[in-house]
Amino acid sequence: MNGKCELCGRNHTELTIHHLTPREEGGSHLPTALLCKPCHKQIHALYSNKELAVRMYTIGLLQDDEEIKKYIKWIRKQPPQKLVKTRKSKQK
């Protein structure tokens, strides 16, 4: 499925379903977001499922986080078809 990523706002990207509260943390029937693959991978590389469930359970909260802000600023400049590498968190 292609469309606009709810996190970075890029158009014409392949989208995946992201559980805003991870399923492992009880989010199976809670809200989801459509994210491009690079954004989805980056979120899970930076944060544990526990951290996502406790403090990053909305698109707004994700967009306000400093690590994701830097990533969004960078990814918005990348063409939608470009394959990007995921950077792991040093703290995770």
PDB file of N, CA and C in Angstrom:
ATOM      1  N   MET A   1       0.849  -1.169   0.000  1.00  0.00           N
ATOM      2  CA  MET A   1       0.000   0.000   0.000  1.00  0.00           C
ATOM      3  C   MET A   1       0.900   1.240   0.000  1.00  0.00           C
ATOM      4  N   ASN A   2       0.632   2.172  -0.877  1.00  0.00           N
ATOM      5  CA  ASN A   2       1.407   3.405  -0.958  1.00  0.00           C
ATOM      6  C   ASN A   2       0.558   4.586  -0.503  1.00  0.00           C
ATOM      7  N   GLY A   3       1.215   5.614   0.009  1.00  0.00           N
ATOM      8  CA  GLY A   3       0.507   6.801   0.459  1.00  0.00           C
ATOM      9  C   GLY A   3       1.440   7.747   1.181  1.00  0.00           C
ATOM     10  N   LYS A   4       0.872   8.512   2.116  1.00  0.00           N
ATOM     11  CA  LYS A   4       1.632   9.517   2.859  1.00  0.00           C
ATOM     12  C   LYS A   4       1.924   9.001   4.269  1.00  0.00           C
ATOM     13  N   CYS A   5       3.190   9.053   4.648  1.00  0.00           N
ATOM     14  CA  CYS A   5       3.617   8.633   5.979  1.00  0.00           C
ATOM     15  C   CYS A   5       3.088   9.624   7.015  1.00  0.00           C
ATOM     16  N   GLU A   6       2.461   9.100   8.064  1.00  0.00           N
ATOM     17  CA  GLU A   6       1.905   9.955   9.113  1.00  0.00           C
ATOM     18  C   GLU A   6       2.985  10.587   9.988  1.00  0.00           C
ATOM     19  N   LEU A   7       4.204  10.044   9.972  1.00  0.00           N
ATOM     20  CA  LEU A   7       5.270  10.590  10.808  1.00  0.00           C
ATOM     21  C   LEU A   7       6.088  11.644  10.069  1.00  0.00           C
ATOM     22  N   CYS A   8       6.617  11.285   8.905  1.00  0.00           N
ATOM     23  CA  CYS A   8       7.501  12.223   8.193  1.00  0.00           C
ATOM     24  C   CYS A   8       6.774  13.055   7.144  1.00  0.00           C
ATOM     25  N   GLY A   9       5.598  12.594   6.715  1.00  0.00           N
ATOM     26  CA  GLY A   9       4.820  13.357   5.747  1.00  0.00           C
ATOM     27  C   GLY A   9       5.204  13.162   4.297  1.00  0.00           C
ATOM     28  N   ARG A  10       6.147  12.245   4.033  1.00  0.00           N
ATOM     29  CA  ARG A  10       6.528  12.011   2.630  1.00  0.00           C
ATOM     30  C   ARG A  10       5.405  11.278   1.911  1.00  0.00           C
ATOM     31  N   ASN A  11       5.191  11.638   0.644  1.00  0.00           N
ATOM     32  CA  ASN A  11       4.160  11.018  -0.192  1.00  0.00           C
ATOM     33  C   ASN A  11       4.740   9.897  -1.041  1.00  0.00           C
ATOM     34  N   HIS A  12       3.850   9.057  -1.549  1.00  0.00           N
ATOM     35  CA  HIS A  12       4.196   7.996  -2.496  1.00  0.00           C
ATOM     36  C   HIS A  12       5.208   7.016  -1.912  1.00  0.00           C
ATOM     37  N   THR A  13       5.081   6.741  -0.619  1.00  0.00           N
ATOM     38  CA  THR A  13       5.970   5.778   0.025  1.00  0.00           C
ATOM     39  C   THR A  13       5.198   4.514   0.333  1.00  0.00           C
ATOM     40  N   GLU A  14       5.906   3.399   0.404  1.00  0.00           N
ATOM     41  CA  GLU A  14       5.271   2.148   0.810  1.00  0.00           C
ATOM     42  C   GLU A  14       5.011   2.222   2.311  1.00  0.00           C
ATOM     43  N   LEU A  15       3.762   1.982   2.707  1.00  0.00           N
ATOM     44  CA  LEU A  15       3.372   2.159   4.102  1.00  0.00           C
ATOM     45  C   LEU A  15       3.232   0.833   4.837  1.00  0.00           C
ATOM     46  N   THR A  16       3.502   0.888   6.134  1.00  0.00           N
ATOM     47  CA  THR A  16       3.320  -0.248   7.021  1.00  0.00           C
ATOM     48  C   THR A  16       2.437   0.212   8.181  1.00  0.00           C
ATOM     49  N   ILE A  17       1.823  -0.740   8.846  1.00  0.00           N
ATOM     50  CA  ILE A  17       0.984  -0.418  10.005  1.00  0.00           C
ATOM     51  C   ILE A  17       1.840  -0.480  11.265  1.00  0.00           C
ATOM     52  N   HIS A  18       1.850   0.632  11.997  1.00  0.00           N
ATOM     53  CA  HIS A  18       2.597   0.717  13.257  1.00  0.00           C
ATOM     54  C   HIS A  18       1.596   0.793  14.403  1.00  0.00           C
ATOM     55  N   HIS A  19       1.685  -0.135  15.332  1.00  0.00           N
ATOM     56  CA  HIS A  19       0.852  -0.082  16.542  1.00  0.00           C
ATOM     57  C   HIS A  19       1.471   0.964  17.465  1.00  0.00           C
ATOM     58  N   LEU A  20       0.745   2.047  17.715  1.00  0.00           N
ATOM     59  CA  LEU A  20       1.287   3.133  18.532  1.00  0.00           C
ATOM     60  C   LEU A  20       1.636   2.648  19.942  1.00  0.00           C
ATOM     61  N   THR A  21       0.834   1.761  20.482  1.00  0.00           N
ATOM     62  CA  THR A  21       1.206   1.016  21.683  1.00  0.00           C
ATOM     63  C   THR A  21       1.511  -0.390  21.183  1.00  0.00           C
ATOM     64  N   PRO A  22       2.751  -0.849  21.313  1.00  0.00           N
ATOM     65  CA  PRO A  22       3.115  -2.162  20.767  1.00  0.00           C
ATOM     66  C   PRO A  22       2.187  -3.280  21.239  1.00  0.00           C
ATOM     67  N   ARG A  23       1.962  -4.227  20.356  1.00  0.00           N
ATOM     68  CA  ARG A  23       1.087  -5.363  20.685  1.00  0.00           C
ATOM     69  C   ARG A  23       1.575  -6.086  21.932  1.00  0.00           C
ATOM     70  N   GLU A  24       2.889  -6.214  22.081  1.00  0.00           N
ATOM     71  CA  GLU A  24       3.465  -6.904  23.243  1.00  0.00           C
ATOM     72  C   GLU A  24       3.155  -6.168  24.542  1.00  0.00           C
ATOM     73  N   GLU A  25       2.782  -4.897  24.441  1.00  0.00           N
ATOM     74  CA  GLU A  25       2.473  -4.082  25.620  1.00  0.00           C
ATOM     75  C   GLU A  25       0.971  -3.832  25.728  1.00  0.00           C
ATOM     76  N   GLY A  26       0.175  -4.650  25.054  1.00  0.00           N
ATOM     77  CA  GLY A  26      -1.271  -4.547  25.159  1.00  0.00           C
ATOM     78  C   GLY A  26      -1.942  -3.691  24.094  1.00  0.00           C
ATOM     79  N   GLY A  27      -1.241  -3.378  23.019  1.00  0.00           N
ATOM     80  CA  GLY A  27      -1.772  -2.475  22.011  1.00  0.00           C
ATOM     81  C   GLY A  27      -2.459  -3.112  20.822  1.00  0.00           C
ATOM     82  N   SER A  28      -2.793  -4.389  20.901  1.00  0.00           N
ATOM     83  CA  SER A  28      -3.396  -5.085  19.752  1.00  0.00           C
ATOM     84  C   SER A  28      -4.641  -4.394  19.210  1.00  0.00           C
ATOM     85  N   HIS A  29      -5.476  -3.860  20.093  1.00  0.00           N
ATOM     86  CA  HIS A  29      -6.738  -3.251  19.664  1.00  0.00           C
ATOM     87  C   HIS A  29      -6.741  -1.738  19.868  1.00  0.00           C
ATOM     88  N   LEU A  30      -5.568  -1.151  20.056  1.00  0.00           N
ATOM     89  CA  LEU A  30      -5.438   0.293  20.236  1.00  0.00           C
ATOM     90  C   LEU A  30      -5.069   0.948  18.899  1.00  0.00           C
ATOM     91  N   PRO A  31      -5.036   2.287  18.835  1.00  0.00           N
ATOM     92  CA  PRO A  31      -4.780   2.983  17.563  1.00  0.00           C
ATOM     93  C   PRO A  31      -3.470   2.582  16.885  1.00  0.00           C
ATOM     94  N   THR A  32      -3.508   2.672  15.551  1.00  0.00           N
ATOM     95  CA  THR A  32      -2.333   2.403  14.718  1.00  0.00           C
ATOM     96  C   THR A  32      -2.071   3.626  13.848  1.00  0.00           C
ATOM     97  N   ALA A  33      -0.919   3.644  13.197  1.00  0.00           N
ATOM     98  CA  ALA A  33      -0.555   4.717  12.269  1.00  0.00           C
ATOM     99  C   ALA A  33       0.060   4.082  11.028  1.00  0.00           C
ATOM    100  N   LEU A  34      -0.095   4.746   9.895  1.00  0.00           N
ATOM    101  CA  LEU A  34       0.524   4.286   8.652  1.00  0.00           C
ATOM    102  C   LEU A  34       1.847   5.017   8.484  1.00  0.00           C
ATOM    103  N   LEU A  35       2.932   4.258   8.534  1.00  0.00           N
ATOM    104  CA  LEU A  35       4.277   4.822   8.445  1.00  0.00           C
ATOM    105  C   LEU A  35       5.029   4.218   7.272  1.00  0.00           C
ATOM    106  N   CYS A  36       5.930   5.020   6.688  1.00  0.00           N
ATOM    107  CA  CYS A  36       6.801   4.462   5.664  1.00  0.00           C
ATOM    108  C   CYS A  36       7.765   3.496   6.351  1.00  0.00           C
ATOM    109  N   LYS A  37       8.295   2.573   5.577  1.00  0.00           N
ATOM    110  CA  LYS A  37       9.185   1.552   6.153  1.00  0.00           C
ATOM    111  C   LYS A  37      10.388   2.158   6.883  1.00  0.00           C
ATOM    112  N   PRO A  38      11.072   3.169   6.301  1.00  0.00           N
ATOM    113  CA  PRO A  38      12.219   3.723   7.026  1.00  0.00           C
ATOM    114  C   PRO A  38      11.844   4.317   8.393  1.00  0.00           C
ATOM    115  N   CYS A  39      10.726   5.045   8.469  1.00  0.00           N
ATOM    116  CA  CYS A  39      10.308   5.616   9.752  1.00  0.00           C
ATOM    117  C   CYS A  39       9.963   4.515  10.747  1.00  0.00           C
ATOM    118  N   HIS A  40       9.247   3.508  10.284  1.00  0.00           N
ATOM    119  CA  HIS A  40       8.847   2.409  11.156  1.00  0.00           C
ATOM    120  C   HIS A  40      10.086   1.699  11.720  1.00  0.00           C
ATOM    121  N   LYS A  41      11.035   1.406  10.848  1.00  0.00           N
ATOM    122  CA  LYS A  41      12.263   0.740  11.297  1.00  0.00           C
ATOM    123  C   LYS A  41      13.049   1.617  12.272  1.00  0.00           C
ATOM    124  N   GLN A  42      13.112   2.924  11.992  1.00  0.00           N
ATOM    125  CA  GLN A  42      13.884   3.831  12.844  1.00  0.00           C
ATOM    126  C   GLN A  42      13.283   3.913  14.248  1.00  0.00           C
ATOM    127  N   ILE A  43      11.977   3.974  14.344  1.00  0.00           N
ATOM    128  CA  ILE A  43      11.321   4.025  15.658  1.00  0.00           C
ATOM    129  C   ILE A  43      11.700   2.806  16.484  1.00  0.00           C
ATOM    130  N   HIS A  44      11.622   1.625  15.868  1.00  0.00           N
ATOM    131  CA  HIS A  44      11.913   0.397  16.616  1.00  0.00           C
ATOM    132  C   HIS A  44      13.409   0.215  16.871  1.00  0.00           C
ATOM    133  N   ALA A  45      14.246   0.866  16.087  1.00  0.00           N
ATOM    134  CA  ALA A  45      15.687   0.809  16.345  1.00  0.00           C
ATOM    135  C   ALA A  45      16.066   1.714  17.521  1.00  0.00           C
ATOM    136  N   LEU A  46      15.333   2.808  17.691  1.00  0.00           N
ATOM    137  CA  LEU A  46      15.671   3.767  18.741  1.00  0.00           C
ATOM    138  C   LEU A  46      15.046   3.445  20.098  1.00  0.00           C
ATOM    139  N   TYR A  47      13.857   2.850  20.099  1.00  0.00           N
ATOM    140  CA  TYR A  47      13.107   2.716  21.347  1.00  0.00           C
ATOM    141  C   TYR A  47      12.647   1.284  21.596  1.00  0.00           C
ATOM    142  N   SER A  48      12.643   0.909  22.858  1.00  0.00           N
ATOM    143  CA  SER A  48      12.113  -0.402  23.237  1.00  0.00           C
ATOM    144  C   SER A  48      10.589  -0.348  23.173  1.00  0.00           C
ATOM    145  N   ASN A  49       9.958  -1.504  23.112  1.00  0.00           N
ATOM    146  CA  ASN A  49       8.497  -1.555  23.114  1.00  0.00           C
ATOM    147  C   ASN A  49       7.931  -0.940  24.393  1.00  0.00           C
ATOM    148  N   LYS A  50       8.599  -1.162  25.496  1.00  0.00           N
ATOM    149  CA  LYS A  50       8.151  -0.599  26.776  1.00  0.00           C
ATOM    150  C   LYS A  50       8.166   0.926  26.713  1.00  0.00           C
ATOM    151  N   GLU A  51       9.244   1.491  26.185  1.00  0.00           N
ATOM    152  CA  GLU A  51       9.368   2.945  26.075  1.00  0.00           C
ATOM    153  C   GLU A  51       8.310   3.515  25.135  1.00  0.00           C
ATOM    154  N   LEU A  52       8.051   2.821  24.034  1.00  0.00           N
ATOM    155  CA  LEU A  52       7.012   3.272  23.104  1.00  0.00           C
ATOM    156  C   LEU A  52       5.652   3.273  23.790  1.00  0.00           C
ATOM    157  N   ALA A  53       5.361   2.244  24.581  1.00  0.00           N
ATOM    158  CA  ALA A  53       4.058   2.136  25.246  1.00  0.00           C
ATOM    159  C   ALA A  53       3.882   3.194  26.330  1.00  0.00           C
ATOM    160  N   VAL A  54       4.952   3.516  27.037  1.00  0.00           N
ATOM    161  CA  VAL A  54       4.854   4.419  28.181  1.00  0.00           C
ATOM    162  C   VAL A  54       4.912   5.898  27.780  1.00  0.00           C
ATOM    163  N   ARG A  55       5.772   6.245  26.798  1.00  0.00           N
ATOM    164  CA  ARG A  55       5.935   7.676  26.521  1.00  0.00           C
ATOM    165  C   ARG A  55       5.870   8.100  25.054  1.00  0.00           C
ATOM    166  N   MET A  56       5.650   7.171  24.129  1.00  0.00           N
ATOM    167  CA  MET A  56       5.627   7.537  22.710  1.00  0.00           C
ATOM    168  C   MET A  56       4.444   6.899  21.988  1.00  0.00           C
ATOM    169  N   TYR A  57       3.270   6.988  22.551  1.00  0.00           N
ATOM    170  CA  TYR A  57       2.107   6.256  22.049  1.00  0.00           C
ATOM    171  C   TYR A  57       1.204   7.070  21.124  1.00  0.00           C
ATOM    172  N   THR A  58       1.665   8.241  20.658  1.00  0.00           N
ATOM    173  CA  THR A  58       0.937   9.006  19.636  1.00  0.00           C
ATOM    174  C   THR A  58       1.939   9.532  18.617  1.00  0.00           C
ATOM    175  N   ILE A  59       1.442   9.887  17.443  1.00  0.00           N
ATOM    176  CA  ILE A  59       2.311  10.487  16.420  1.00  0.00           C
ATOM    177  C   ILE A  59       2.896  11.797  16.944  1.00  0.00           C
ATOM    178  N   GLY A  60       2.091  12.598  17.623  1.00  0.00           N
ATOM    179  CA  GLY A  60       2.566  13.873  18.176  1.00  0.00           C
ATOM    180  C   GLY A  60       3.707  13.703  19.154  1.00  0.00           C
ATOM    181  N   LEU A  61       3.590  12.723  20.050  1.00  0.00           N
ATOM    182  CA  LEU A  61       4.662  12.463  21.019  1.00  0.00           C
ATOM    183  C   LEU A  61       5.932  11.998  20.310  1.00  0.00           C
ATOM    184  N   LEU A  62       5.772  11.160  19.290  1.00  0.00           N
ATOM    185  CA  LEU A  62       6.942  10.722  18.519  1.00  0.00           C
ATOM    186  C   LEU A  62       7.602  11.913  17.831  1.00  0.00           C
ATOM    187  N   GLN A  63       6.805  12.762  17.187  1.00  0.00           N
ATOM    188  CA  GLN A  63       7.349  13.904  16.446  1.00  0.00           C
ATOM    189  C   GLN A  63       8.030  14.920  17.364  1.00  0.00           C
ATOM    190  N   ASP A  64       7.638  14.975  18.640  1.00  0.00           N
ATOM    191  CA  ASP A  64       8.244  15.919  19.579  1.00  0.00           C
ATOM    192  C   ASP A  64       9.541  15.413  20.191  1.00  0.00           C
ATOM    193  N   ASP A  65       9.830  14.131  20.045  1.00  0.00           N
ATOM    194  CA  ASP A  65      11.055  13.564  20.612  1.00  0.00           C
ATOM    195  C   ASP A  65      12.273  14.039  19.819  1.00  0.00           C
ATOM    196  N   GLU A  66      13.328  14.429  20.520  1.00  0.00           N
ATOM    197  CA  GLU A  66      14.510  15.011  19.864  1.00  0.00           C
ATOM    198  C   GLU A  66      15.167  14.064  18.854  1.00  0.00           C
ATOM    199  N   GLU A  67      15.291  12.789  19.192  1.00  0.00           N
ATOM    200  CA  GLU A  67      15.932  11.840  18.270  1.00  0.00           C
ATOM    201  C   GLU A  67      15.134  11.714  16.973  1.00  0.00           C
ATOM    202  N   ILE A  68      13.825  11.593  17.099  1.00  0.00           N
ATOM    203  CA  ILE A  68      12.978  11.442  15.913  1.00  0.00           C
ATOM    204  C   ILE A  68      12.915  12.748  15.131  1.00  0.00           C
ATOM    205  N   LYS A  69      12.927  13.895  15.826  1.00  0.00           N
ATOM    206  CA  LYS A  69      12.924  15.196  15.125  1.00  0.00           C
ATOM    207  C   LYS A  69      14.085  15.280  14.156  1.00  0.00           C
ATOM    208  N   LYS A  70      15.281  14.903  14.616  1.00  0.00           N
ATOM    209  CA  LYS A  70      16.474  14.934  13.753  1.00  0.00           C
ATOM    210  C   LYS A  70      16.288  14.004  12.568  1.00  0.00           C
ATOM    211  N   TYR A  71      15.767  12.823  12.831  1.00  0.00           N
ATOM    212  CA  TYR A  71      15.562  11.842  11.776  1.00  0.00           C
ATOM    213  C   TYR A  71      14.536  12.343  10.757  1.00  0.00           C
ATOM    214  N   ILE A  72      13.422  12.885  11.227  1.00  0.00           N
ATOM    215  CA  ILE A  72      12.377  13.387  10.322  1.00  0.00           C
ATOM    216  C   ILE A  72      12.932  14.497   9.433  1.00  0.00           C
ATOM    217  N   LYS A  73      13.708  15.398  10.022  1.00  0.00           N
ATOM    218  CA  LYS A  73      14.307  16.492   9.237  1.00  0.00           C
ATOM    219  C   LYS A  73      15.158  15.916   8.104  1.00  0.00           C
ATOM    220  N   TRP A  74      15.909  14.858   8.394  1.00  0.00           N
ATOM    221  CA  TRP A  74      16.765  14.238   7.383  1.00  0.00           C
ATOM    222  C   TRP A  74      15.954  13.451   6.362  1.00  0.00           C
ATOM    223  N   ILE A  75      15.028  12.599   6.818  1.00  0.00           N
ATOM    224  CA  ILE A  75      14.306  11.698   5.914  1.00  0.00           C
ATOM    225  C   ILE A  75      13.427  12.473   4.936  1.00  0.00           C
ATOM    226  N   ARG A  76      12.925  13.620   5.333  1.00  0.00           N
ATOM    227  CA  ARG A  76      12.077  14.424   4.442  1.00  0.00           C
ATOM    228  C   ARG A  76      12.825  14.856   3.186  1.00  0.00           C
ATOM    229  N   LYS A  77      14.136  14.902   3.255  1.00  0.00           N
ATOM    230  CA  LYS A  77      14.953  15.307   2.100  1.00  0.00           C
ATOM    231  C   LYS A  77      15.261  14.133   1.177  1.00  0.00           C
ATOM    232  N   GLN A  78      14.906  12.914   1.606  1.00  0.00           N
ATOM    233  CA  GLN A  78      15.232  11.720   0.824  1.00  0.00           C
ATOM    234  C   GLN A  78      14.082  11.371  -0.116  1.00  0.00           C
ATOM    235  N   PRO A  79      14.399  10.927  -1.339  1.00  0.00           N
ATOM    236  CA  PRO A  79      13.324  10.502  -2.245  1.00  0.00           C
ATOM    237  C   PRO A  79      12.611   9.275  -1.680  1.00  0.00           C
ATOM    238  N   PRO A  80      11.294   9.163  -1.921  1.00  0.00           N
ATOM    239  CA  PRO A  80      10.517   8.058  -1.348  1.00  0.00           C
ATOM    240  C   PRO A  80      11.029   6.670  -1.725  1.00  0.00           C
ATOM    241  N   GLN A  81      11.650   6.529  -2.889  1.00  0.00           N
ATOM    242  CA  GLN A  81      12.104   5.210  -3.341  1.00  0.00           C
ATOM    243  C   GLN A  81      13.458   4.812  -2.751  1.00  0.00           C
ATOM    244  N   LYS A  82      14.164   5.762  -2.164  1.00  0.00           N
ATOM    245  CA  LYS A  82      15.519   5.492  -1.678  1.00  0.00           C
ATOM    246  C   LYS A  82      15.492   4.533  -0.488  1.00  0.00           C
ATOM    247  N   LEU A  83      16.359   3.529  -0.540  1.00  0.00           N
ATOM    248  CA  LEU A  83      16.533   2.624   0.592  1.00  0.00           C
ATOM    249  C   LEU A  83      17.511   3.285   1.561  1.00  0.00           C
ATOM    250  N   VAL A  84      17.101   3.426   2.797  1.00  0.00           N
ATOM    251  CA  VAL A  84      17.960   4.094   3.780  1.00  0.00           C
ATOM    252  C   VAL A  84      18.357   3.107   4.871  1.00  0.00           C
ATOM    253  N   LYS A  85      19.525   3.345   5.459  1.00  0.00           N
ATOM    254  CA  LYS A  85      19.994   2.502   6.550  1.00  0.00           C
ATOM    255  C   LYS A  85      19.376   2.993   7.857  1.00  0.00           C
ATOM    256  N   THR A  86      19.080   2.052   8.731  1.00  0.00           N
ATOM    257  CA  THR A  86      18.516   2.366  10.038  1.00  0.00           C
ATOM    258  C   THR A  86      19.656   2.496  11.026  1.00  0.00           C
ATOM    259  N   ARG A  87      19.642   3.590  11.789  1.00  0.00           N
ATOM    260  CA  ARG A  87      20.666   3.803  12.832  1.00  0.00           C
ATOM    261  C   ARG A  87      20.128   3.332  14.171  1.00  0.00           C
ATOM    262  N   LYS A  88      20.884   2.491  14.805  1.00  0.00           N
ATOM    263  CA  LYS A  88      20.496   1.970  16.123  1.00  0.00           C
ATOM    264  C   LYS A  88      20.805   3.006  17.193  1.00  0.00           C
ATOM    265  N   SER A  89      20.050   2.936  18.281  1.00  0.00           N
ATOM    266  CA  SER A  89      20.273   3.821  19.413  1.00  0.00           C
ATOM    267  C   SER A  89      21.467   3.305  20.218  1.00  0.00           C
ATOM    268  N   LYS A  90      22.255   4.210  20.764  1.00  0.00           N
ATOM    269  CA  LYS A  90      23.373   3.808  21.625  1.00  0.00           C
ATOM    270  C   LYS A  90      22.870   3.450  23.024  1.00  0.00           C
ATOM    271  N   GLN A  91      21.680   3.979  23.387  1.00  0.00           N
ATOM    272  CA  GLN A  91      21.137   3.715  24.712  1.00  0.00           C
ATOM    273  C   GLN A  91      20.293   2.444  24.774  1.00  0.00           C
ATOM    274  N   LYS A  92      19.751   2.012  23.675  1.00  0.00           N
ATOM    275  CA  LYS A  92      18.814   0.876  23.693  1.00  0.00           C
ATOM    276  C   LYS A  92      19.510  -0.418  24.019  1.00  0.00           C
TER     277      LYS A  92
END
